[in-house]
PDB file of all heavy atoms in Angstrom:
ATOM      1  N   GLY A   1     117.229-174.853  25.733  1.00  0.00           N
ATOM      2  CA  GLY A   1     118.626-175.019  26.308  1.00  0.00           C
ATOM      3  C   GLY A   1     119.561-175.892  25.512  1.00  0.00           C
ATOM      4  O   GLY A   1     120.610-176.209  25.954  1.00  0.00           O
ATOM      5  N   ARG A   2     119.108-176.339  24.280  1.00  0.00           N
ATOM      6  CA  ARG A   2     119.987-177.207  23.502  1.00  0.00           C
ATOM      7  C   ARG A   2     119.497-177.175  22.073  1.00  0.00           C
ATOM      8  O   ARG A   2     118.405-176.769  21.738  1.00  0.00           O
ATOM      9  CB  ARG A   2     119.919-178.636  24.023  1.00  0.00           C
ATOM     10  CG  ARG A   2     118.597-179.317  23.979  1.00  0.00           C
ATOM     11  CD  ARG A   2     118.573-180.678  24.597  1.00  0.00           C
ATOM     12  NE  ARG A   2     119.479-181.593  23.919  1.00  0.00           N
ATOM     13  CZ  ARG A   2     120.553-182.156  24.415  1.00  0.00           C
ATOM     14  NH1 ARG A   2     120.872-181.867  25.690  1.00  0.00           N
ATOM     15  NH2 ARG A   2     121.293-183.009  23.721  1.00  0.00           N
ATOM     16  N   ILE A   3     120.363-177.598  21.155  1.00  0.00           N
ATOM     17  CA  ILE A   3     120.034-177.860  19.792  1.00  0.00           C
ATOM     18  C   ILE A   3     120.705-179.119  19.259  1.00  0.00           C
ATOM     19  O   ILE A   3     121.908-179.242  19.372  1.00  0.00           O
ATOM     20  CB  ILE A   3     120.495-176.659  18.875  1.00  0.00           C
ATOM     21  CG1 ILE A   3     119.770-175.314  19.236  1.00  0.00           C
ATOM     22  CG2 ILE A   3     120.286-176.966  17.395  1.00  0.00           C
ATOM     23  CD1 ILE A   3     120.235-174.122  18.529  1.00  0.00           C
ATOM     24  N   ASP A   4     119.896-180.070  18.908  1.00  0.00           N
ATOM     25  CA  ASP A   4     120.396-181.360  18.508  1.00  0.00           C
ATOM     26  C   ASP A   4     120.527-181.543  17.014  1.00  0.00           C
ATOM     27  O   ASP A   4     121.374-182.337  16.553  1.00  0.00           O
ATOM     28  CB  ASP A   4     119.500-182.504  19.131  1.00  0.00           C
ATOM     29  CG  ASP A   4     119.404-182.375  20.565  1.00  0.00           C
ATOM     30  OD1 ASP A   4     120.360-182.888  21.243  1.00  0.00           O
ATOM     31  OD2 ASP A   4     118.441-181.808  21.099  1.00  0.00           O
ATOM     32  N   VAL A   5     119.666-180.865  16.306  1.00  0.00           N
ATOM     33  CA  VAL A   5     119.658-181.047  14.820  1.00  0.00           C
ATOM     34  C   VAL A   5     119.462-179.589  14.206  1.00  0.00           C
ATOM     35  O   VAL A   5     118.674-178.797  14.704  1.00  0.00           O
ATOM     36  CB  VAL A   5     118.450-181.934  14.401  1.00  0.00           C
ATOM     37  CG1 VAL A   5     118.295-181.920  12.867  1.00  0.00           C
ATOM     38  CG2 VAL A   5     118.690-183.347  14.942  1.00  0.00           C
ATOM     39  N   LEU A   6     120.189-179.384  13.155  1.00  0.00           N
ATOM     40  CA  LEU A   6     120.004-178.206  12.314  1.00  0.00           C
ATOM     41  C   LEU A   6     119.707-178.675  10.901  1.00  0.00           C
ATOM     42  O   LEU A   6     120.495-179.430  10.315  1.00  0.00           O
ATOM     43  CB  LEU A   6     121.253-177.323  12.283  1.00  0.00           C
ATOM     44  CG  LEU A   6     121.323-176.181  11.268  1.00  0.00           C
ATOM     45  CD1 LEU A   6     120.203-175.125  11.540  1.00  0.00           C
ATOM     46  CD2 LEU A   6     122.736-175.517  11.313  1.00  0.00           C
ATOM     47  N   VAL A   7     118.604-178.264  10.313  1.00  0.00           N
ATOM     48  CA  VAL A   7     118.245-178.541   8.978  1.00  0.00           C
ATOM     49  C   VAL A   7     118.263-177.281   8.133  1.00  0.00           C
ATOM     50  O   VAL A   7     117.548-176.329   8.517  1.00  0.00           O
ATOM     51  CB  VAL A   7     116.916-179.227   8.831  1.00  0.00           C
ATOM     52  CG1 VAL A   7     116.571-179.501   7.332  1.00  0.00           C
ATOM     53  CG2 VAL A   7     116.819-180.503   9.607  1.00  0.00           C
ATOM     54  N   ASN A   8     119.111-177.229   7.110  1.00  0.00           N
ATOM     55  CA  ASN A   8     119.174-176.027   6.291  1.00  0.00           C
ATOM     56  C   ASN A   8     118.550-176.267   4.921  1.00  0.00           C
ATOM     57  O   ASN A   8     119.012-177.043   4.168  1.00  0.00           O
ATOM     58  CB  ASN A   8     120.652-175.634   6.057  1.00  0.00           C
ATOM     59  CG  ASN A   8     121.304-175.167   7.348  1.00  0.00           C
ATOM     60  OD1 ASN A   8     120.780-174.276   8.028  1.00  0.00           O
ATOM     61  ND2 ASN A   8     122.403-175.818   7.711  1.00  0.00           N
ATOM     62  N   SER A   9     117.364-175.619   4.753  1.00  0.00           N
ATOM     63  CA  SER A   9     116.726-175.639   3.466  1.00  0.00           C
ATOM     64  C   SER A   9     116.989-174.371   2.756  1.00  0.00           C
ATOM     65  O   SER A   9     117.739-173.514   3.235  1.00  0.00           O
ATOM     66  CB  SER A   9     115.237-175.866   3.658  1.00  0.00           C
ATOM     67  OG  SER A   9     114.605-176.137   2.421  1.00  0.00           O
ATOM     68  N   ALA A  10     116.490-174.144   1.581  1.00  0.00           N
ATOM     69  CA  ALA A  10     116.709-172.908   0.756  1.00  0.00           C
ATOM     70  C   ALA A  10     115.552-172.645  -0.139  1.00  0.00           C
ATOM     71  O   ALA A  10     114.764-173.490  -0.475  1.00  0.00           O
ATOM     72  CB  ALA A  10     117.989-173.107  -0.013  1.00  0.00           C
ATOM     73  N   GLY A  11     115.548-171.378  -0.580  1.00  0.00           N
ATOM     74  CA  GLY A  11     114.586-170.971  -1.590  1.00  0.00           C
ATOM     75  C   GLY A  11     115.191-171.170  -2.985  1.00  0.00           C
ATOM     76  O   GLY A  11     116.005-172.090  -3.203  1.00  0.00           O
ATOM     77  N   HIS A  12     114.815-170.319  -3.911  1.00  0.00           N
ATOM     78  CA  HIS A  12     115.310-170.428  -5.305  1.00  0.00           C
ATOM     79  C   HIS A  12     116.168-169.228  -5.661  1.00  0.00           C
ATOM     80  O   HIS A  12     115.759-168.063  -5.423  1.00  0.00           O
ATOM     81  CB  HIS A  12     114.107-170.550  -6.228  1.00  0.00           C
ATOM     82  CG  HIS A  12     113.266-171.772  -5.998  1.00  0.00           C
ATOM     83  ND1 HIS A  12     113.639-173.058  -6.312  1.00  0.00           N
ATOM     84  CD2 HIS A  12     112.058-171.885  -5.410  1.00  0.00           C
ATOM     85  CE1 HIS A  12     112.769-173.901  -5.964  1.00  0.00           C
ATOM     86  NE2 HIS A  12     111.744-173.231  -5.379  1.00  0.00           N
ATOM     87  N   GLY A  13     117.363-169.492  -6.188  1.00  0.00           N
ATOM     88  CA  GLY A  13     118.225-168.430  -6.619  1.00  0.00           C
ATOM     89  C   GLY A  13     118.055-168.067  -8.050  1.00  0.00           C
ATOM     90  O   GLY A  13     117.326-168.667  -8.792  1.00  0.00           O
ATOM     91  N   PRO A  14     118.872-167.154  -8.534  1.00  0.00           N
ATOM     92  CA  PRO A  14     118.813-166.628  -9.912  1.00  0.00           C
ATOM     93  C   PRO A  14     119.098-167.756 -10.916  1.00  0.00           C
ATOM     94  O   PRO A  14     119.940-168.631 -10.675  1.00  0.00           O
ATOM     95  CB  PRO A  14     119.847-165.565  -9.979  1.00  0.00           C
ATOM     96  CG  PRO A  14     120.116-165.142  -8.548  1.00  0.00           C
ATOM     97  CD  PRO A  14     119.934-166.384  -7.802  1.00  0.00           C
ATOM     98  N   ARG A  15     118.408-167.648 -12.113  1.00  0.00           N
ATOM     99  CA  ARG A  15     118.685-168.561 -13.195  1.00  0.00           C
ATOM    100  C   ARG A  15     118.753-167.812 -14.468  1.00  0.00           C
ATOM    101  O   ARG A  15     117.989-166.863 -14.721  1.00  0.00           O
ATOM    102  CB  ARG A  15     117.522-169.629 -13.301  1.00  0.00           C
ATOM    103  CG  ARG A  15     117.369-170.509 -12.177  1.00  0.00           C
ATOM    104  CD  ARG A  15     116.108-171.359 -12.184  1.00  0.00           C
ATOM    105  NE  ARG A  15     115.939-172.066 -13.468  1.00  0.00           N
ATOM    106  CZ  ARG A  15     114.828-172.735 -13.803  1.00  0.00           C
ATOM    107  NH1 ARG A  15     113.792-172.786 -12.983  1.00  0.00           N
ATOM    108  NH2 ARG A  15     114.819-173.420 -14.933  1.00  0.00           N
ATOM    109  N   ALA A  16     119.766-168.132 -15.303  1.00  0.00           N
ATOM    110  CA  ALA A  16     119.926-167.492 -16.614  1.00  0.00           C
ATOM    111  C   ALA A  16     120.986-168.304 -17.361  1.00  0.00           C
ATOM    112  O   ALA A  16     121.599-169.216 -16.795  1.00  0.00           O
ATOM    113  CB  ALA A  16     120.360-166.035 -16.484  1.00  0.00           C
ATOM    114  N   GLN A  17     121.134-168.007 -18.599  1.00  0.00           N
ATOM    115  CA  GLN A  17     122.239-168.599 -19.397  1.00  0.00           C
ATOM    116  C   GLN A  17     123.597-168.238 -18.707  1.00  0.00           C
ATOM    117  O   GLN A  17     123.779-167.148 -18.213  1.00  0.00           O
ATOM    118  CB  GLN A  17     122.186-168.051 -20.854  1.00  0.00           C
ATOM    119  CG  GLN A  17     122.937-168.914 -21.858  1.00  0.00           C
ATOM    120  CD  GLN A  17     124.416-168.514 -21.989  1.00  0.00           C
ATOM    121  OE1 GLN A  17     124.864-167.433 -21.458  1.00  0.00           O
ATOM    122  NE2 GLN A  17     125.192-169.381 -22.566  1.00  0.00           N
ATOM    123  N   ILE A  18     124.502-169.153 -18.697  1.00  0.00           N
ATOM    124  CA  ILE A  18     125.687-169.034 -17.804  1.00  0.00           C
ATOM    125  C   ILE A  18     126.467-167.770 -17.871  1.00  0.00           C
ATOM    126  O   ILE A  18     126.888-167.213 -16.877  1.00  0.00           O
ATOM    127  CB  ILE A  18     126.562-170.313 -18.008  1.00  0.00           C
ATOM    128  CG1 ILE A  18     127.618-170.432 -16.958  1.00  0.00           C
ATOM    129  CG2 ILE A  18     127.191-170.334 -19.400  1.00  0.00           C
ATOM    130  CD1 ILE A  18     127.202-170.852 -15.626  1.00  0.00           C
ATOM    131  N   ILE A  19     126.640-167.223 -19.068  1.00  0.00           N
ATOM    132  CA  ILE A  19     127.483-166.021 -19.176  1.00  0.00           C
ATOM    133  C   ILE A  19     126.632-164.744 -19.083  1.00  0.00           C
ATOM    134  O   ILE A  19     127.167-163.620 -19.119  1.00  0.00           O
ATOM    135  CB  ILE A  19     128.312-165.967 -20.466  1.00  0.00           C
ATOM    136  CG1 ILE A  19     127.419-165.918 -21.695  1.00  0.00           C
ATOM    137  CG2 ILE A  19     129.279-167.219 -20.525  1.00  0.00           C
ATOM    138  CD1 ILE A  19     128.281-165.476 -22.955  1.00  0.00           C
ATOM    139  N   GLU A  20     125.341-164.911 -18.895  1.00  0.00           N
ATOM    140  CA  GLU A  20     124.432-163.764 -18.786  1.00  0.00           C
ATOM    141  C   GLU A  20     124.093-163.497 -17.318  1.00  0.00           C
ATOM    142  O   GLU A  20     123.315-162.539 -17.071  1.00  0.00           O
ATOM    143  CB  GLU A  20     123.156-163.981 -19.592  1.00  0.00           C
ATOM    144  CG  GLU A  20     123.458-164.048 -21.092  1.00  0.00           C
ATOM    145  CD  GLU A  20     122.265-164.374 -21.925  1.00  0.00           C
ATOM    146  OE1 GLU A  20     121.127-164.538 -21.318  1.00  0.00           O
ATOM    147  OE2 GLU A  20     122.364-164.489 -23.147  1.00  0.00           O
ATOM    148  N   ILE A  21     124.636-164.254 -16.394  1.00  0.00           N
ATOM    149  CA  ILE A  21     124.342-164.052 -15.004  1.00  0.00           C
ATOM    150  C   ILE A  21     125.205-162.892 -14.484  1.00  0.00           C
ATOM    151  O   ILE A  21     126.474-162.894 -14.630  1.00  0.00           O
ATOM    152  CB  ILE A  21     124.585-165.314 -14.167  1.00  0.00           C
ATOM    153  CG1 ILE A  21     123.695-166.427 -14.706  1.00  0.00           C
ATOM    154  CG2 ILE A  21     124.302-165.074 -12.693  1.00  0.00           C
ATOM    155  CD1 ILE A  21     124.051-167.779 -14.122  1.00  0.00           C
ATOM    156  N   SER A  22     124.648-161.886 -13.916  1.00  0.00           N
ATOM    157  CA  SER A  22     125.396-160.729 -13.494  1.00  0.00           C
ATOM    158  C   SER A  22     126.178-161.018 -12.168  1.00  0.00           C
ATOM    159  O   SER A  22     125.851-162.015 -11.476  1.00  0.00           O
ATOM    160  CB  SER A  22     124.418-159.568 -13.198  1.00  0.00           C
ATOM    161  OG  SER A  22     123.602-159.841 -12.081  1.00  0.00           O
ATOM    162  N   ASP A  23     127.102-160.172 -11.883  1.00  0.00           N
ATOM    163  CA  ASP A  23     127.798-160.292 -10.566  1.00  0.00           C
ATOM    164  C   ASP A  23     126.803-160.308  -9.454  1.00  0.00           C
ATOM    165  O   ASP A  23     126.981-161.125  -8.472  1.00  0.00           O
ATOM    166  CB  ASP A  23     128.801-159.099 -10.413  1.00  0.00           C
ATOM    167  CG  ASP A  23     130.068-159.312 -11.247  1.00  0.00           C
ATOM    168  OD1 ASP A  23     130.107-160.230 -12.056  1.00  0.00           O
ATOM    169  OD2 ASP A  23     130.985-158.476 -11.070  1.00  0.00           O
ATOM    170  N   GLU A  24     125.866-159.380  -9.491  1.00  0.00           N
ATOM    171  CA  GLU A  24     124.846-159.341  -8.412  1.00  0.00           C
ATOM    172  C   GLU A  24     124.118-160.629  -8.257  1.00  0.00           C
ATOM    173  O   GLU A  24     123.878-161.099  -7.096  1.00  0.00           O
ATOM    174  CB  GLU A  24     123.857-158.188  -8.707  1.00  0.00           C
ATOM    175  CG  GLU A  24     122.818-158.008  -7.635  1.00  0.00           C
ATOM    176  CD  GLU A  24     121.821-156.905  -7.972  1.00  0.00           C
ATOM    177  OE1 GLU A  24     121.886-156.412  -9.105  1.00  0.00           O
ATOM    178  OE2 GLU A  24     120.934-156.653  -7.128  1.00  0.00           O
ATOM    179  N   ASP A  25     123.730-161.251  -9.362  1.00  0.00           N
ATOM    180  CA  ASP A  25     123.005-162.514  -9.257  1.00  0.00           C
ATOM    181  C   ASP A  25     123.917-163.666  -8.815  1.00  0.00           C
ATOM    182  O   ASP A  25     123.401-164.591  -8.131  1.00  0.00           O
ATOM    183  CB  ASP A  25     122.306-162.826 -10.617  1.00  0.00           C
ATOM    184  CG  ASP A  25     121.010-162.065 -10.735  1.00  0.00           C
ATOM    185  OD1 ASP A  25     120.571-161.436  -9.743  1.00  0.00           O
ATOM    186  OD2 ASP A  25     120.426-162.041 -11.890  1.00  0.00           O
ATOM    187  N   TRP A  26     125.143-163.661  -9.202  1.00  0.00           N
ATOM    188  CA  TRP A  26     126.048-164.705  -8.660  1.00  0.00           C
ATOM    189  C   TRP A  26     126.144-164.568  -7.136  1.00  0.00           C
ATOM    190  O   TRP A  26     126.110-165.579  -6.407  1.00  0.00           O
ATOM    191  CB  TRP A  26     127.449-164.588  -9.312  1.00  0.00           C
ATOM    192  CG  TRP A  26     127.603-165.246 -10.596  1.00  0.00           C
ATOM    193  CD1 TRP A  26     127.853-164.625 -11.786  1.00  0.00           C
ATOM    194  CD2 TRP A  26     127.535-166.678 -10.885  1.00  0.00           C
ATOM    195  NE1 TRP A  26     127.890-165.565 -12.803  1.00  0.00           N
ATOM    196  CE2 TRP A  26     127.618-166.797 -12.239  1.00  0.00           C
ATOM    197  CE3 TRP A  26     127.210-167.792 -10.110  1.00  0.00           C
ATOM    198  CZ2 TRP A  26     127.585-168.038 -12.912  1.00  0.00           C
ATOM    199  CZ3 TRP A  26     127.127-169.040 -10.724  1.00  0.00           C
ATOM    200  CH2 TRP A  26     127.361-169.118 -12.109  1.00  0.00           C
ATOM    201  N   HIS A  27     126.199-163.303  -6.642  1.00  0.00           N
ATOM    202  CA  HIS A  27     126.231-163.105  -5.205  1.00  0.00           C
ATOM    203  C   HIS A  27     124.936-163.578  -4.541  1.00  0.00           C
ATOM    204  O   HIS A  27     124.921-164.169  -3.434  1.00  0.00           O
ATOM    205  CB  HIS A  27     126.596-161.680  -4.845  1.00  0.00           C
ATOM    206  CG  HIS A  27     128.087-161.362  -5.006  1.00  0.00           C
ATOM    207  ND1 HIS A  27     129.054-161.789  -4.163  1.00  0.00           N
ATOM    208  CD2 HIS A  27     128.681-160.623  -6.006  1.00  0.00           C
ATOM    209  CE1 HIS A  27     130.217-161.345  -4.597  1.00  0.00           C
ATOM    210  NE2 HIS A  27     130.011-160.641  -5.736  1.00  0.00           N
ATOM    211  N   LYS A  28     123.836-163.288  -5.233  1.00  0.00           N
ATOM    212  CA  LYS A  28     122.543-163.811  -4.691  1.00  0.00           C
ATOM    213  C   LYS A  28     122.526-165.334  -4.602  1.00  0.00           C
ATOM    214  O   LYS A  28     121.987-165.886  -3.678  1.00  0.00           O
ATOM    215  CB  LYS A  28     121.371-163.300  -5.554  1.00  0.00           C
ATOM    216  CG  LYS A  28     121.065-161.824  -5.420  1.00  0.00           C
ATOM    217  CD  LYS A  28     119.879-161.430  -6.323  1.00  0.00           C
ATOM    218  CE  LYS A  28     119.585-159.938  -6.255  1.00  0.00           C
ATOM    219  NZ  LYS A  28     118.548-159.540  -7.211  1.00  0.00           N
TER     220      LYS A  28
END
């Protein structure tokens, strides 16, 4: 009946050389 704390963690997103990241991977 209540929520006092929300903790947002995350997995790992795409990695590549900066101009080689596709639109799809930026959205990911």
